[in-house]
Amino acid sequence: MIGVLIVASIRLYREGLAFFLHNCAGITVVGTARDRCDVIVQLAAVHPAVVLVDLATDDSDAIVRDIIRLAPALPIVALGISDREQDVMTCIEAGVAGFVSREGTRDDLANAIESAARGDLQCTPQLAGRLLRRVASLASRQPAVPAESRLTGREWEIVRLIEQNFSNKEIATRLGIEVATVKNHVHNLLDKLHMRKRAEVVRWLMRLGDSSAAVAPTSRR
């Protein structure tokens, strides 16, 4: 059974939601709360599996933040969200795991609760497209990480030896490690640099300029 805590400021609304959910297979209402203080008390008392928050409730934003602070793994379903893209994105970015629009049906509500309890986000194809565009937009704002800063100290040591045309066996002897370990390091550094061959590493170092002047970690792993 999925235990649900209902948060809504209007008593009649809370009781109506509780009545409906009590009649849904696999869902039970473990408590109701009318305001921010009530939510904090109920969270400690009833240990719900999902919290259903009516966005028309006063301080609903603060209530969502309180729940995430007190129980980060507890899924929240927002009820009564508008269809505006910005409102949906704001809820998701705040940590809401599911939502039901103002035009949502009883089945939509039950499905949203069940999906949130499973760790899924139930959404329409249109919303999925919006989410992908949002993720792409956020990713495009992230500063590019220089390739050389992705390598560990040990990987830099191996890069230097590759530059000197050392074989894996020679690198292993030089560093006092197993050949298999060298192969793993080479595989990892090629993956980080998006390269396929050792020769590409040498050309990359040449593009950096004087390899002795390139900034590289000195710590070993």
Protein backbone atom coordinates (compact mmCIF):
# COMPACT_ATOMS: atom_id res chain seq x y z
CA MET A 1 0.00 0.00 0.00
CA ILE A 2 1.20 3.51 -0.85
CA GLY A 3 0.76 5.72 2.20
CA VAL A 4 -0.17 9.28 1.18
CA LEU A 5 -0.03 12.47 3.23
CA ILE A 6 -2.44 15.08 1.84
CA VAL A 7 -1.56 18.77 2.21
CA ALA A 8 -4.38 21.23 1.48
CA SER A 9 -5.54 24.32 3.34
CA ILE A 10 -9.29 23.75 2.77
CA ARG A 11 -10.70 21.06 5.04
CA LEU A 12 -13.51 20.02 2.70
CA TYR A 13 -10.95 19.60 -0.09
CA ARG A 14 -8.66 17.50 2.14
CA GLU A 15 -11.53 15.27 3.17
CA GLY A 16 -12.72 14.87 -0.43
CA LEU A 17 -9.26 13.85 -1.59
CA ALA A 18 -8.92 11.44 1.34
CA PHE A 19 -12.29 9.85 0.54
CA PHE A 20 -11.36 9.35 -3.09
CA LEU A 21 -7.88 7.94 -2.38
CA HIS A 22 -9.21 5.54 0.27
CA ASN A 23 -11.16 3.92 -2.53
CA CYS A 24 -8.14 3.52 -4.84
CA ALA A 25 -6.59 0.07 -4.85
CA GLY A 26 -3.04 0.09 -3.51
CA ILE A 27 -3.30 3.59 -1.97
CA THR A 28 -4.12 4.59 1.58
CA VAL A 29 -4.23 8.01 3.25
CA VAL A 30 -2.00 8.01 6.33
CA GLY A 31 -2.60 11.64 7.28
CA THR A 32 -3.66 15.13 6.27
CA ALA A 33 -2.12 18.54 6.93
CA ARG A 34 -3.48 22.06 6.51
CA ASP A 35 -0.36 24.23 6.74
CA ARG A 36 3.42 24.29 6.97
CA CYS A 37 3.66 23.55 10.69
CA ASP A 38 1.14 20.73 10.39
CA VAL A 39 3.18 19.15 7.58
CA ILE A 40 6.32 19.01 9.73
CA VAL A 41 4.43 17.31 12.55
CA GLN A 42 2.75 14.81 10.24
CA LEU A 43 5.97 13.86 8.46
CA ALA A 44 7.45 12.69 11.75
CA ALA A 45 4.25 11.00 12.90
CA VAL A 46 2.95 9.03 9.91
CA HIS A 47 5.99 8.40 7.63
CA PRO A 48 4.19 8.62 4.26
CA ALA A 49 5.45 7.09 1.02
CA VAL A 50 4.20 10.07 -1.05
CA VAL A 51 3.14 13.61 -0.15
CA LEU A 52 0.33 15.20 -2.17
CA VAL A 53 0.56 19.01 -2.03
CA ASP A 54 -2.24 21.27 -3.24
CA LEU A 55 -0.45 24.25 -4.81
CA ALA A 56 -3.32 26.53 -3.77
CA THR A 57 -2.23 26.03 -0.15
CA ASP A 58 -0.57 29.06 1.47
CA ASP A 59 3.25 28.78 1.43
CA SER A 60 3.11 25.74 -0.86
CA ASP A 61 6.60 26.58 -2.16
CA ALA A 62 7.97 26.66 1.39
CA ILE A 63 6.14 23.42 2.21
CA VAL A 64 7.83 21.69 -0.73
CA ARG A 65 11.22 22.98 0.43
CA ASP A 66 10.55 21.79 3.99
CA ILE A 67 9.65 18.30 2.80
CA ILE A 68 12.78 18.06 0.65
CA ARG A 69 14.92 19.30 3.53
CA LEU A 70 13.43 16.92 6.08
CA ALA A 71 12.95 13.89 3.82
CA PRO A 72 14.98 14.27 0.60
CA ALA A 73 13.98 10.85 -0.75
CA LEU A 74 10.25 11.37 -0.19
CA PRO A 75 8.43 11.93 -3.52
CA ILE A 76 6.09 14.91 -3.79
CA VAL A 77 3.11 15.17 -6.14
CA ALA A 78 1.93 18.71 -6.89
CA LEU A 79 -1.82 19.09 -7.35
CA GLY A 80 -3.47 21.91 -9.29
CA ILE A 81 -0.51 23.00 -11.41
CA SER A 82 -1.21 25.20 -14.41
CA ASP A 83 -0.39 24.09 -17.95
CA ARG A 84 2.17 26.88 -18.38
CA GLU A 85 5.57 25.42 -19.27
CA GLN A 86 7.39 27.68 -16.81
CA ASP A 87 5.18 26.55 -13.91
CA VAL A 88 5.81 22.90 -14.73
CA MET A 89 9.57 23.43 -15.00
CA THR A 90 9.63 25.39 -11.74
CA CYS A 91 7.95 22.48 -9.95
CA ILE A 92 10.32 19.90 -11.40
CA GLU A 93 13.40 22.00 -10.62
CA ALA A 94 12.11 22.45 -7.06
CA GLY A 95 12.17 18.66 -6.63
CA VAL A 96 8.55 17.66 -7.30
CA ALA A 97 8.34 14.07 -8.53
CA GLY A 98 4.90 14.25 -10.13
CA PHE A 99 2.02 16.60 -10.74
CA VAL A 100 -1.64 16.78 -11.67
CA SER A 101 -2.92 19.73 -13.67
CA ARG A 102 -6.00 21.75 -12.82
CA GLU A 103 -7.87 19.80 -15.49
CA GLY A 104 -6.56 16.43 -14.28
CA THR A 105 -8.94 13.55 -13.61
CA ARG A 106 -9.17 11.18 -10.64
CA ASP A 107 -7.30 8.58 -12.70
CA ASP A 108 -4.58 11.13 -13.39
CA LEU A 109 -4.22 11.70 -9.65
CA ALA A 110 -3.99 8.00 -8.80
CA ASN A 111 -1.53 7.37 -11.64
CA ALA A 112 0.66 10.30 -10.59
CA ILE A 113 0.85 8.98 -7.01
CA GLU A 114 1.66 5.44 -8.15
CA SER A 115 4.32 6.69 -10.57
CA ALA A 116 5.93 8.91 -7.93
CA ALA A 117 6.04 5.99 -5.48
CA ARG A 118 7.89 3.93 -8.10
CA GLY A 119 10.35 6.75 -8.73
CA ASP A 120 8.93 7.51 -12.17
CA LEU A 121 7.76 10.80 -13.64
CA GLN A 122 4.50 10.42 -15.52
CA CYS A 123 4.33 12.94 -18.31
CA THR A 124 2.90 13.54 -21.75
CA PRO A 125 5.08 13.40 -24.90
CA GLN A 126 4.82 17.20 -25.04
CA LEU A 127 6.21 17.54 -21.52
CA ALA A 128 8.97 15.02 -22.27
CA GLY A 129 9.99 17.21 -25.20
CA ARG A 130 10.02 20.29 -22.98
CA LEU A 131 12.17 18.52 -20.41
CA LEU A 132 14.70 17.46 -23.04
CA ARG A 133 14.89 21.01 -24.38
CA ARG A 134 15.35 22.32 -20.85
CA VAL A 135 18.16 19.86 -20.12
CA ALA A 136 19.85 20.75 -23.42
CA SER A 137 19.57 24.46 -22.60
CA LEU A 138 21.09 24.00 -19.14
CA ALA A 139 23.88 21.83 -20.54
CA SER A 140 24.77 24.45 -23.14
CA ARG A 141 25.36 26.96 -20.35
CA GLN A 142 27.93 24.79 -18.59
CA PRO A 143 31.53 25.89 -19.21
CA ALA A 144 33.59 23.43 -21.22
CA VAL A 145 36.07 21.46 -19.12
CA PRO A 146 39.58 21.48 -20.66
CA ALA A 147 40.60 17.96 -21.68
CA GLU A 148 43.84 18.14 -19.72
CA SER A 149 42.01 18.84 -16.46
CA ARG A 150 40.08 15.56 -16.74
CA LEU A 151 43.20 13.42 -16.31
CA THR A 152 44.46 12.14 -12.96
CA GLY A 153 48.07 12.45 -11.88
CA ARG A 154 48.76 8.82 -12.79
CA GLU A 155 47.15 9.25 -16.20
CA TRP A 156 49.36 12.27 -16.85
CA GLU A 157 52.44 10.18 -16.02
CA ILE A 158 51.33 7.61 -18.57
CA VAL A 159 50.61 10.33 -21.15
CA ARG A 160 54.20 11.55 -20.76
CA LEU A 161 55.54 8.05 -21.28
CA ILE A 162 53.29 7.49 -24.31
CA GLU A 163 54.77 10.69 -25.69
CA GLN A 164 58.20 9.06 -25.36
CA ASN A 165 56.91 6.02 -27.30
CA PHE A 166 57.03 3.65 -24.31
CA SER A 167 55.11 0.39 -24.69
CA ASN A 168 52.58 -0.74 -22.06
CA LYS A 169 55.15 -3.22 -20.71
CA GLU A 170 57.82 -0.51 -20.50
CA ILE A 171 55.39 1.86 -18.76
CA ALA A 172 54.50 -0.87 -16.26
CA THR A 173 58.19 -1.44 -15.46
CA ARG A 174 58.89 2.26 -15.20
CA LEU A 175 55.98 2.91 -12.81
CA GLY A 176 56.18 -0.38 -10.92
CA ILE A 177 52.64 -1.47 -11.74
CA GLU A 178 51.01 -4.36 -13.62
CA VAL A 179 50.66 -4.28 -17.41
CA ALA A 180 46.90 -4.83 -17.01
CA THR A 181 46.77 -1.72 -14.81
CA VAL A 182 48.57 0.29 -17.48
CA LYS A 183 46.08 -0.93 -20.09
CA ASN A 184 43.19 0.22 -17.88
CA HIS A 185 44.77 3.65 -17.43
CA VAL A 186 45.38 3.98 -21.16
CA HIS A 187 41.79 2.97 -21.90
CA ASN A 188 40.46 5.52 -19.38
CA LEU A 189 42.59 8.41 -20.57
CA LEU A 190 41.73 7.75 -24.21
CA ASP A 191 38.07 7.71 -23.23
CA LYS A 192 38.39 11.01 -21.34
CA LEU A 193 40.19 12.62 -24.27
CA HIS A 194 37.70 11.15 -26.79
CA MET A 195 40.51 9.44 -28.67
CA ARG A 196 41.02 5.93 -30.04
CA LYS A 197 44.78 5.59 -30.54
CA ARG A 198 47.95 6.41 -28.63
CA ALA A 199 49.23 8.42 -31.61
CA GLU A 200 46.34 10.81 -31.16
CA VAL A 201 47.57 11.50 -27.62
CA VAL A 202 50.96 12.58 -28.96
CA ARG A 203 49.35 14.87 -31.54
CA TRP A 204 47.12 16.32 -28.83
CA LEU A 205 50.16 17.13 -26.70
CA MET A 206 51.75 18.84 -29.66
CA ARG A 207 48.64 20.98 -30.11
CA LEU A 208 48.86 22.01 -26.46
CA GLY A 209 52.23 23.51 -27.28
CA ASP A 210 55.40 22.72 -25.39
CA SER A 211 54.35 19.64 -23.40
CA SER A 212 56.71 20.54 -20.58
CA ALA A 213 54.76 23.77 -20.10
CA ALA A 214 51.36 22.09 -20.07
CA VAL A 215 49.64 22.19 -16.69
CA ALA A 216 49.36 18.68 -15.28
CA PRO A 217 48.71 17.24 -11.83
CA THR A 218 51.74 15.79 -10.08
CA SER A 219 49.91 13.62 -7.56
CA ARG A 220 49.91 9.86 -8.05
CA ARG A 221 46.99 7.43 -7.88
